[in-house]
């Protein structure tokens, strides 16, 4: 049986998780710190990490400032 292809949403979520984990490792921030910076609870942060399309653009920009993503990393996350 052929393997199912990933949907565009699954691909975006995978790219987001990879860049999120890299940024988190780079800065040493923990989940409570990140949630506080975004102004959301830790459980909301977890749900948004599972479905990154639920992050607002402002929250993505906040993550960009926290993690110091490169222009390439940020553009791969927002899909431009």
N, C-alpha and C. Protein backbone atom coordinates (compact mmCIF):
# COMPACT_ATOMS: atom_id res chain seq x y z
N UNK A 1 0.84 -1.17 0.00
CA UNK A 1 0.00 0.00 0.00
C UNK A 1 0.89 1.24 0.00
N UNK A 2 0.62 2.21 -0.88
CA UNK A 2 1.47 3.41 -0.94
C UNK A 2 1.32 4.27 0.31
N UNK A 3 2.40 4.90 0.61
CA UNK A 3 2.42 5.77 1.79
C UNK A 3 1.65 7.06 1.49
N UNK A 4 0.84 7.49 2.45
CA UNK A 4 0.07 8.72 2.28
C UNK A 4 1.01 9.92 2.30
N UNK A 5 0.73 10.87 1.43
CA UNK A 5 1.54 12.08 1.39
C UNK A 5 1.10 13.03 2.47
N UNK A 6 2.06 13.82 2.92
CA UNK A 6 1.74 14.82 3.93
C UNK A 6 0.97 15.97 3.28
N UNK A 7 0.01 16.48 4.02
CA UNK A 7 -0.74 17.63 3.54
C UNK A 7 0.11 18.88 3.70
N UNK A 8 -0.23 19.96 3.01
CA UNK A 8 0.52 21.21 3.20
C UNK A 8 0.51 21.67 4.65
N UNK A 9 -0.61 21.49 5.35
CA UNK A 9 -0.68 21.89 6.76
C UNK A 9 0.28 21.05 7.60
N UNK A 10 0.39 19.77 7.32
CA UNK A 10 1.33 18.91 8.06
C UNK A 10 2.77 19.31 7.79
N UNK A 11 3.06 19.68 6.56
CA UNK A 11 4.41 20.13 6.22
C UNK A 11 4.77 21.43 6.94
N UNK A 12 3.80 22.39 6.96
CA UNK A 12 4.04 23.65 7.67
C UNK A 12 4.25 23.41 9.16
N UNK A 13 3.44 22.50 9.74
CA UNK A 13 3.57 22.19 11.17
C UNK A 13 4.94 21.58 11.46
N UNK A 14 5.42 20.73 10.56
CA UNK A 14 6.73 20.11 10.74
C UNK A 14 7.84 21.15 10.70
N UNK A 15 7.77 22.07 9.75
CA UNK A 15 8.77 23.15 9.64
C UNK A 15 8.72 24.03 10.88
N UNK A 16 7.50 24.36 11.34
CA UNK A 16 7.38 25.18 12.54
C UNK A 16 8.01 24.49 13.73
N UNK A 17 7.68 23.21 13.95
CA UNK A 17 8.22 22.49 15.11
C UNK A 17 9.74 22.44 15.08
N UNK A 18 10.29 22.21 13.90
CA UNK A 18 11.75 22.15 13.78
C UNK A 18 12.37 23.51 14.16
N UNK A 19 11.84 24.60 13.60
CA UNK A 19 12.38 25.93 13.91
C UNK A 19 12.12 26.33 15.35
N UNK A 20 10.98 25.93 15.91
CA UNK A 20 10.66 26.22 17.30
C UNK A 20 11.68 25.53 18.21
N UNK A 21 11.94 24.26 17.95
CA UNK A 21 12.89 23.51 18.79
C UNK A 21 14.31 24.05 18.66
N UNK A 22 14.69 24.45 17.46
CA UNK A 22 16.02 25.03 17.26
C UNK A 22 16.12 26.35 18.03
N UNK A 23 15.11 27.19 17.92
CA UNK A 23 15.11 28.47 18.61
C UNK A 23 15.12 28.30 20.12
N UNK A 24 14.36 27.34 20.59
CA UNK A 24 14.30 27.07 22.03
C UNK A 24 15.66 26.59 22.54
N UNK A 25 16.31 25.73 21.79
CA UNK A 25 17.63 25.23 22.19
C UNK A 25 18.67 26.35 22.14
N UNK A 26 18.55 27.21 21.15
CA UNK A 26 19.49 28.31 20.98
C UNK A 26 19.43 29.30 22.16
N UNK A 27 18.20 29.57 22.63
CA UNK A 27 18.02 30.59 23.65
C UNK A 27 17.96 30.05 25.07
N UNK A 28 17.58 28.78 25.23
CA UNK A 28 17.45 28.20 26.55
C UNK A 28 16.13 28.53 27.24
N UNK A 29 15.19 29.12 26.51
CA UNK A 29 13.88 29.41 27.09
C UNK A 29 13.13 28.11 27.36
N UNK A 30 12.31 28.13 28.41
CA UNK A 30 11.45 27.00 28.75
C UNK A 30 10.01 27.37 28.39
N UNK A 31 9.14 26.36 28.36
CA UNK A 31 7.75 26.57 27.96
C UNK A 31 7.04 27.66 28.78
N UNK A 32 7.19 27.71 30.12
CA UNK A 32 6.51 28.77 30.87
C UNK A 32 6.97 30.18 30.44
N UNK A 33 8.26 30.32 30.14
CA UNK A 33 8.78 31.61 29.69
C UNK A 33 8.18 32.02 28.35
N UNK A 34 8.08 31.07 27.45
CA UNK A 34 7.56 31.34 26.11
C UNK A 34 6.08 31.68 26.19
N UNK A 35 5.33 30.90 26.96
CA UNK A 35 3.89 31.15 27.10
C UNK A 35 3.66 32.54 27.70
N UNK A 36 4.45 32.91 28.71
CA UNK A 36 4.32 34.22 29.34
C UNK A 36 4.61 35.33 28.34
N UNK A 37 5.63 35.17 27.53
CA UNK A 37 5.98 36.18 26.53
C UNK A 37 4.87 36.34 25.49
N UNK A 38 4.17 35.25 25.19
CA UNK A 38 3.08 35.30 24.21
C UNK A 38 1.77 35.75 24.84
N UNK A 39 1.71 35.76 26.16
CA UNK A 39 0.49 36.15 26.84
C UNK A 39 -0.59 35.09 26.82
N UNK A 40 -0.17 33.81 26.79
CA UNK A 40 -1.11 32.70 26.77
C UNK A 40 -0.71 31.69 27.84
N UNK A 41 -1.59 30.74 28.12
CA UNK A 41 -1.28 29.70 29.09
C UNK A 41 -0.39 28.64 28.44
N UNK A 42 0.21 27.81 29.27
CA UNK A 42 1.05 26.73 28.75
C UNK A 42 0.23 25.73 27.95
N UNK A 43 -1.01 25.47 28.38
CA UNK A 43 -1.84 24.53 27.62
C UNK A 43 -2.21 25.11 26.25
N UNK A 44 -2.43 26.42 26.19
CA UNK A 44 -2.69 27.05 24.88
C UNK A 44 -1.45 26.97 23.99
N UNK A 45 -0.29 27.17 24.60
CA UNK A 45 0.96 27.05 23.83
C UNK A 45 1.10 25.65 23.28
N UNK A 46 0.80 24.64 24.06
CA UNK A 46 0.90 23.26 23.59
C UNK A 46 -0.05 23.04 22.41
N UNK A 47 -1.30 23.51 22.53
CA UNK A 47 -2.27 23.32 21.44
C UNK A 47 -1.82 24.03 20.17
N UNK A 48 -1.25 25.20 20.33
CA UNK A 48 -0.81 25.94 19.15
C UNK A 48 0.43 25.31 18.52
N UNK A 49 1.27 24.69 19.33
CA UNK A 49 2.43 24.00 18.76
C UNK A 49 1.99 22.80 17.93
N UNK A 50 0.91 22.14 18.35
CA UNK A 50 0.37 21.01 17.59
C UNK A 50 -0.23 21.49 16.28
N UNK A 51 -0.91 22.63 16.32
CA UNK A 51 -1.52 23.25 15.14
C UNK A 51 -1.01 24.68 15.00
N UNK A 52 0.18 24.86 14.45
CA UNK A 52 0.79 26.19 14.41
C UNK A 52 -0.02 27.23 13.63
N UNK A 53 -0.94 26.79 12.79
CA UNK A 53 -1.78 27.75 12.06
C UNK A 53 -2.64 28.58 13.00
N UNK A 54 -2.77 28.14 14.26
CA UNK A 54 -3.59 28.86 15.24
C UNK A 54 -2.84 30.02 15.90
N UNK A 55 -1.53 30.10 15.70
CA UNK A 55 -0.78 31.25 16.20
C UNK A 55 -1.21 32.48 15.41
N UNK A 56 -1.35 33.60 16.10
CA UNK A 56 -1.60 34.85 15.38
C UNK A 56 -0.28 35.32 14.78
N UNK A 57 -0.39 36.22 13.82
CA UNK A 57 0.82 36.74 13.20
C UNK A 57 1.68 37.47 14.23
N UNK A 58 1.03 38.19 15.13
CA UNK A 58 1.76 38.88 16.20
C UNK A 58 2.51 37.92 17.09
N UNK A 59 1.91 36.77 17.38
CA UNK A 59 2.59 35.78 18.21
C UNK A 59 3.79 35.18 17.48
N UNK A 60 3.66 35.00 16.17
CA UNK A 60 4.79 34.49 15.39
C UNK A 60 5.93 35.52 15.42
N UNK A 61 5.58 36.79 15.32
CA UNK A 61 6.61 37.83 15.39
C UNK A 61 7.26 37.87 16.77
N UNK A 62 6.47 37.64 17.82
CA UNK A 62 7.03 37.58 19.17
C UNK A 62 8.00 36.41 19.28
N UNK A 63 7.61 35.26 18.74
CA UNK A 63 8.52 34.10 18.75
C UNK A 63 9.78 34.41 17.96
N UNK A 64 9.63 35.15 16.87
CA UNK A 64 10.80 35.55 16.07
C UNK A 64 11.76 36.38 16.91
N UNK A 65 11.23 37.32 17.68
CA UNK A 65 12.10 38.15 18.53
C UNK A 65 12.74 37.31 19.63
N UNK A 66 11.97 36.39 20.22
CA UNK A 66 12.51 35.55 21.30
C UNK A 66 13.62 34.64 20.81
N UNK A 67 13.37 33.99 19.67
CA UNK A 67 14.27 32.95 19.20
C UNK A 67 15.35 33.46 18.25
N UNK A 68 15.20 34.67 17.74
CA UNK A 68 16.18 35.19 16.81
C UNK A 68 16.25 34.40 15.53
N UNK A 69 15.09 34.03 15.01
CA UNK A 69 15.05 33.28 13.76
C UNK A 69 15.67 34.09 12.64
N UNK A 70 16.32 33.42 11.71
CA UNK A 70 16.85 34.09 10.53
C UNK A 70 15.70 34.42 9.59
N UNK A 71 15.97 35.23 8.60
CA UNK A 71 14.93 35.58 7.62
C UNK A 71 14.43 34.33 6.90
N UNK A 72 15.34 33.39 6.60
CA UNK A 72 14.93 32.16 5.93
C UNK A 72 14.05 31.31 6.82
N UNK A 73 14.38 31.22 8.12
CA UNK A 73 13.56 30.44 9.04
C UNK A 73 12.17 31.06 9.16
N UNK A 74 12.12 32.37 9.30
CA UNK A 74 10.84 33.04 9.45
C UNK A 74 10.00 32.89 8.18
N UNK A 75 10.59 33.05 7.02
CA UNK A 75 9.82 32.93 5.78
C UNK A 75 9.33 31.51 5.57
N UNK A 76 10.09 30.51 6.02
CA UNK A 76 9.62 29.13 5.88
C UNK A 76 8.44 28.86 6.81
N UNK A 77 8.38 29.58 7.93
CA UNK A 77 7.28 29.40 8.88
C UNK A 77 6.01 30.07 8.38
N UNK A 78 6.14 31.28 7.87
CA UNK A 78 4.93 32.00 7.44
C UNK A 78 4.56 31.69 6.01
N UNK A 79 5.37 30.90 5.33
CA UNK A 79 5.02 30.41 4.01
C UNK A 79 5.18 31.37 2.87
N UNK A 80 6.16 32.25 2.94
CA UNK A 80 6.40 33.15 1.81
C UNK A 80 7.59 32.68 1.03
